[in-house]
Protein backbone atom coordinates (compact mmCIF):
# COMPACT_ATOMS: atom_id res chain seq x y z
CA MET A 1 109.51 320.25 -26.93
CA HIS A 2 111.00 316.81 -26.32
CA PRO A 3 109.34 315.45 -23.15
CA PHE A 4 110.58 311.90 -23.75
CA ILE A 5 113.67 310.18 -25.03
CA TYR A 6 113.49 306.60 -26.24
CA ILE A 7 116.07 303.95 -25.47
CA ASP A 8 115.44 300.59 -27.15
CA GLY A 9 111.84 301.67 -27.64
CA PHE A 10 111.23 302.54 -23.98
CA PRO A 11 110.22 306.13 -23.19
CA PHE A 12 112.00 308.04 -20.42
CA ALA A 13 110.69 311.39 -19.18
CA VAL A 14 113.32 314.08 -19.73
CA TYR A 15 111.97 316.05 -16.77
CA SER A 16 112.63 313.16 -14.37
CA LEU A 17 116.00 312.34 -15.93
CA MET A 18 117.20 315.93 -15.60
CA GLY A 19 116.05 315.99 -11.98
CA ILE A 20 117.92 312.77 -11.19
CA PHE A 21 121.01 313.91 -13.06
CA GLY A 22 120.94 317.33 -11.40
CA TYR A 23 120.66 315.89 -7.91
CA THR A 24 123.36 313.29 -8.58
CA ALA A 25 125.70 315.99 -9.89
CA SER A 26 125.02 318.15 -6.84
CA ILE A 27 125.91 315.32 -4.42
CA VAL A 28 129.08 314.58 -6.39
CA LEU A 29 130.02 318.24 -6.02
CA VAL A 30 129.43 318.09 -2.24
CA LEU A 31 131.53 314.93 -2.12
CA ILE A 32 134.37 316.73 -3.92
CA LYS A 33 134.09 319.75 -1.60
CA ARG A 34 133.43 317.75 1.57
CA ARG A 35 136.55 319.00 3.36
CA ALA A 36 135.34 322.57 3.03
CA PHE A 37 132.20 321.55 4.93
CA ARG A 38 134.10 319.24 7.33
CA PHE A 39 132.24 316.21 6.03
CA CYS A 40 133.39 312.63 5.78
CA VAL A 41 132.01 310.31 3.11
CA ARG A 42 129.42 308.96 5.56
CA ASP A 43 128.23 312.51 6.28
CA VAL A 44 127.74 313.14 2.56
CA LEU A 45 125.69 309.96 2.11
CA GLN A 46 123.43 310.80 5.05
CA PHE A 47 123.18 314.37 3.78
CA ALA A 48 122.10 313.06 0.35
CA VAL A 49 119.38 310.80 1.78
CA PHE A 50 117.89 313.38 4.15
CA ALA A 51 117.98 316.14 1.53
CA ALA A 52 116.32 313.92 -1.11
CA ILE A 53 113.47 313.00 1.23
CA GLY A 54 112.90 316.63 2.14
CA ILE A 55 113.11 317.90 -1.43
CA LEU A 56 110.67 315.34 -2.85
CA GLY A 57 108.24 315.63 0.04
CA GLY A 58 108.35 319.42 0.27
CA ALA A 59 107.99 319.93 -3.49
CA ARG A 60 104.89 317.75 -3.63
CA ILE A 61 103.31 319.13 -0.43
CA LEU A 62 103.59 322.76 -1.53
CA SER A 63 102.17 321.86 -4.94
CA VAL A 64 99.14 320.30 -3.24
CA ILE A 65 98.72 323.30 -0.92
CA VAL A 66 98.81 325.76 -3.83
CA LYS A 67 96.13 323.79 -5.69
CA MET A 68 93.99 323.65 -2.56
CA VAL A 69 94.15 327.44 -2.26
CA GLN A 70 93.45 328.02 -5.95
CA LEU A 71 90.82 325.33 -6.60
CA GLY A 72 89.40 324.53 -3.19
CA HIS A 73 86.14 326.37 -3.94
CA GLU A 74 85.24 324.03 -6.81
CA PRO A 75 82.44 321.47 -6.23
CA GLY A 76 83.68 318.04 -5.22
CA PHE A 77 87.24 319.23 -4.65
CA TRP A 78 87.38 317.99 -1.06
CA GLY A 79 86.20 314.48 -1.85
CA ALA A 80 88.48 311.72 -0.55
CA ARG A 81 89.12 310.21 -3.99
CA HIS A 82 89.89 313.56 -5.57
CA LEU A 83 92.26 314.54 -2.75
CA LEU A 84 94.12 311.23 -3.04
CA ASP A 85 94.41 311.73 -6.79
CA LEU A 86 95.64 315.28 -6.18
CA ILE A 87 98.36 314.09 -3.80
CA LEU A 88 99.55 311.33 -6.12
CA LYS A 89 99.48 313.30 -9.37
CA SER A 90 100.35 316.87 -8.37
CA GLY A 91 103.49 318.43 -9.79
CA TRP A 92 106.58 319.69 -8.03
CA VAL A 93 107.21 323.19 -6.66
CA PHE A 94 110.85 324.22 -6.28
CA TYR A 95 110.37 326.43 -3.25
CA GLY A 96 108.60 323.59 -1.46
CA GLY A 97 111.47 321.24 -2.24
CA LEU A 98 114.03 323.82 -1.16
CA LEU A 99 112.35 324.36 2.21
CA GLY A 100 111.59 320.66 2.68
CA GLY A 101 115.25 319.80 2.15
CA PHE A 102 116.22 322.54 4.59
CA GLY A 103 113.92 321.07 7.22
CA MET A 104 115.26 317.54 6.82
CA LEU A 105 118.87 318.76 6.97
CA PHE A 106 118.05 320.70 10.12
CA LEU A 107 116.79 317.41 11.55
CA LEU A 108 119.98 315.65 10.43
CA ALA A 109 122.09 318.26 12.21
CA LYS A 110 120.08 317.69 15.39
CA LEU A 111 120.32 313.90 15.21
CA ARG A 112 124.02 313.79 14.35
CA HIS A 113 125.06 316.89 16.34
CA MET A 114 126.62 318.33 13.19
CA ASN A 115 127.41 321.97 12.54
CA ARG A 116 124.27 323.46 10.96
CA ASN A 117 126.18 326.20 9.14
CA ASN A 118 128.36 323.62 7.36
CA ILE A 119 125.32 321.57 6.37
CA PHE A 120 123.40 324.56 5.04
CA ASN A 121 126.48 325.83 3.18
CA ALA A 122 126.69 322.48 1.41
CA TYR A 123 122.97 322.66 0.67
CA VAL A 124 123.52 325.92 -1.21
CA TYR A 125 125.71 324.10 -3.75
CA VAL A 126 123.13 321.32 -4.03
CA ALA A 127 120.31 323.79 -4.74
CA LEU A 128 122.25 325.76 -7.35
CA THR A 129 123.47 322.64 -9.17
CA PHE A 130 120.06 321.01 -9.08
CA VAL A 131 118.18 324.01 -10.48
CA SER A 132 120.80 324.61 -13.16
CA VAL A 133 120.14 321.13 -14.54
CA ALA A 134 116.50 320.49 -13.60
CA ARG A 135 115.23 323.62 -15.34
CA LEU A 136 116.56 322.15 -18.58
CA GLY A 137 114.04 319.38 -18.03
CA CYS A 138 111.30 322.00 -17.72
CA PHE A 139 112.40 323.48 -21.04
CA PHE A 140 112.34 320.17 -22.92
CA THR A 141 109.03 319.17 -21.31
CA GLY A 142 107.40 322.51 -22.03
CA CYS A 143 106.31 323.36 -18.48
CA CYS A 144 107.10 326.59 -16.58
CA TYR A 145 107.11 328.35 -19.95
CA GLY A 146 107.54 332.03 -20.69
CA ILE A 147 105.38 334.70 -22.28
CA THR A 148 104.53 334.53 -25.97
CA LEU A 149 106.58 336.86 -28.14
CA SER A 150 105.22 338.85 -31.07
CA HIS A 151 106.25 336.22 -33.64
CA GLY A 152 104.49 333.42 -31.75
CA THR A 153 107.36 331.69 -29.96
CA ARG A 154 107.58 331.47 -26.19
CA LEU A 155 110.33 333.11 -24.20
CA PRO A 156 112.63 330.34 -22.84
CA VAL A 157 112.45 331.58 -19.26
CA GLN A 158 113.44 328.10 -18.02
CA LEU A 159 116.82 328.54 -19.70
CA PHE A 160 117.17 331.99 -18.17
CA GLU A 161 116.73 330.57 -14.67
CA SER A 162 119.06 327.68 -15.42
CA GLY A 163 121.73 330.07 -16.70
CA PHE A 164 121.24 332.44 -13.76
CA CYS A 165 121.71 329.65 -11.20
CA PHE A 166 124.69 328.24 -13.08
CA ALA A 167 126.36 331.68 -13.11
CA VAL A 168 125.83 332.01 -9.35
CA LEU A 169 127.18 328.49 -8.83
CA VAL A 170 130.33 329.28 -10.84
CA ALA A 171 130.81 332.50 -8.87
CA PHE A 172 130.54 330.60 -5.58
CA LEU A 173 132.99 327.95 -6.79
CA ILE A 174 135.50 330.64 -7.73
CA VAL A 175 135.09 332.86 -4.67
CA ARG A 176 134.59 329.97 -2.18
CA PRO A 177 132.67 332.09 0.33
CA GLU A 178 132.52 329.26 2.88
CA ARG A 179 136.32 329.60 3.21
CA ARG A 180 136.73 333.32 2.57
CA TRP A 181 134.02 334.31 5.08
CA PRO A 182 133.66 331.35 7.47
CA GLY A 183 131.33 333.28 9.78
CA LEU A 184 128.90 334.13 6.99
CA PRO A 185 125.73 331.99 6.87
CA LEU A 186 125.73 331.18 3.17
CA PHE A 187 122.21 329.80 2.95
CA PRO A 188 120.38 333.13 3.53
CA VAL A 189 122.78 334.78 1.07
CA PHE A 190 121.79 332.20 -1.53
CA LEU A 191 118.10 332.61 -0.65
CA THR A 192 118.35 336.35 -1.18
CA ILE A 193 120.15 336.07 -4.52
CA TYR A 194 117.87 333.35 -5.86
CA SER A 195 114.66 334.95 -4.60
CA VAL A 196 115.51 338.30 -6.19
CA GLY A 197 116.33 336.60 -9.50
CA ARG A 198 113.22 334.41 -9.34
CA PHE A 199 111.02 337.41 -8.49
CA MET A 200 112.18 339.18 -11.65
CA LEU A 201 111.92 336.09 -13.86
CA GLU A 202 108.32 335.52 -12.73
CA PHE A 203 107.29 338.58 -14.77
CA LEU A 204 108.43 336.67 -17.86
CA ARG A 205 106.43 333.53 -17.09
CA GLY A 206 103.47 332.82 -19.34
CA ASP A 207 101.75 329.86 -17.71
CA ALA A 208 98.36 330.74 -16.26
CA SER A 209 96.66 330.21 -12.87
CA ARG A 210 99.78 330.96 -10.86
CA GLY A 211 98.87 334.26 -9.24
CA VAL A 212 97.60 335.34 -5.87
CA TRP A 213 96.36 338.94 -6.04
CA ILE A 214 98.80 341.09 -8.02
CA LEU A 215 101.82 338.78 -7.79
CA SER A 216 102.44 335.11 -8.44
CA THR A 217 102.67 332.63 -5.59
CA SER A 218 106.41 332.32 -6.15
CA GLN A 219 106.84 336.09 -5.95
CA TRP A 220 105.06 336.23 -2.59
CA ILE A 221 107.25 333.41 -1.32
CA ALA A 222 110.32 335.22 -2.65
CA LEU A 223 109.43 338.39 -0.73
CA VAL A 224 108.96 336.42 2.49
CA LEU A 225 112.27 334.57 2.03
CA ILE A 226 114.18 337.77 1.26
CA THR A 227 112.87 339.32 4.48
CA ILE A 228 113.75 336.24 6.54
CA SER A 229 117.20 336.02 4.93
CA VAL A 230 118.08 339.63 5.68
CA ILE A 231 117.03 339.19 9.32
CA TRP A 232 118.99 335.91 9.49
CA ILE A 233 122.19 337.56 8.22
CA LYS A 234 121.82 340.50 10.61
CA LYS A 235 121.20 338.22 13.59
CA SER A 236 124.28 336.19 12.71
CA GLY A 237 126.39 339.23 13.62
CA PHE A 238 128.53 338.86 10.52
CA SER A 239 130.08 341.90 8.88
CA LEU A 240 132.86 342.19 6.33
CA ARG A 241 134.71 344.66 8.57
CA SER A 242 134.74 342.37 11.59
CA ASN A 243 135.70 339.40 9.43
CA LYS A 244 138.64 341.36 8.00
CA SER A 245 139.82 342.29 11.50
CA LYS A 246 139.70 338.65 12.60
CA LYS A 247 141.78 337.62 9.60
CA GLN A 248 144.36 340.32 10.33
CA LYS A 249 144.65 339.19 13.95
CA ALA A 250 145.03 335.58 12.86
CA GLN A 251 147.82 336.63 10.48
CA GLY A 252 149.55 338.73 13.10
CA VAL A 253 148.89 342.04 11.33
CA VAL A 254 149.32 345.03 13.67
CA ARG A 255 148.30 348.55 12.71
CA LEU A 256 150.45 351.39 14.08
């Protein structure tokens, strides 16, 4: 583990640096692809600010909520000083950040009268880029670790998640689903893919005090998000067959 790097004798937390680098890289990617989302540079900057506020706030809030559920029965837990300390020093939960960012971007779309589908499509690339990089910070810090193998080393499950998200990101960049299937809501597709992958990876996690009943908290959230995503896609009315017919009509293809 290498939780800190030192520059001129000053320590810098690798976890925070990877988070900052991952988010910066994700916004640069959105800036490069802004025409695909019908963004101007101003839209991207506002997108970046709103998403950052939502991600940071949501990640911290869900972390606090999880600790309240798990430790709320302990004596003195609900004291004002302890709760303030909990809020200030709690960690970060990815699902909370993901949903917090979604909420703030929904607000941005309302305030600016922007197309929500374009905003959420862009957010997919932000989430995939961010996790691909930020999980490296988890690996170097030693948090979110995997199960212990027979020879005593821990499974690098953080790297598995980073690689999984990077592979999905590359696939999206190659396929460009926002252009190939413009009527497809990309965000629930991403939620489904990520939640399925995260659900499976949770079985390889080794850090304790993360479970609620037979599954971990993240696995329960994953099941809820998969259900919501499937309903979202169905309600959108999108189907590959109808999308293909629309393309053929646009190209003047007539079947005899």
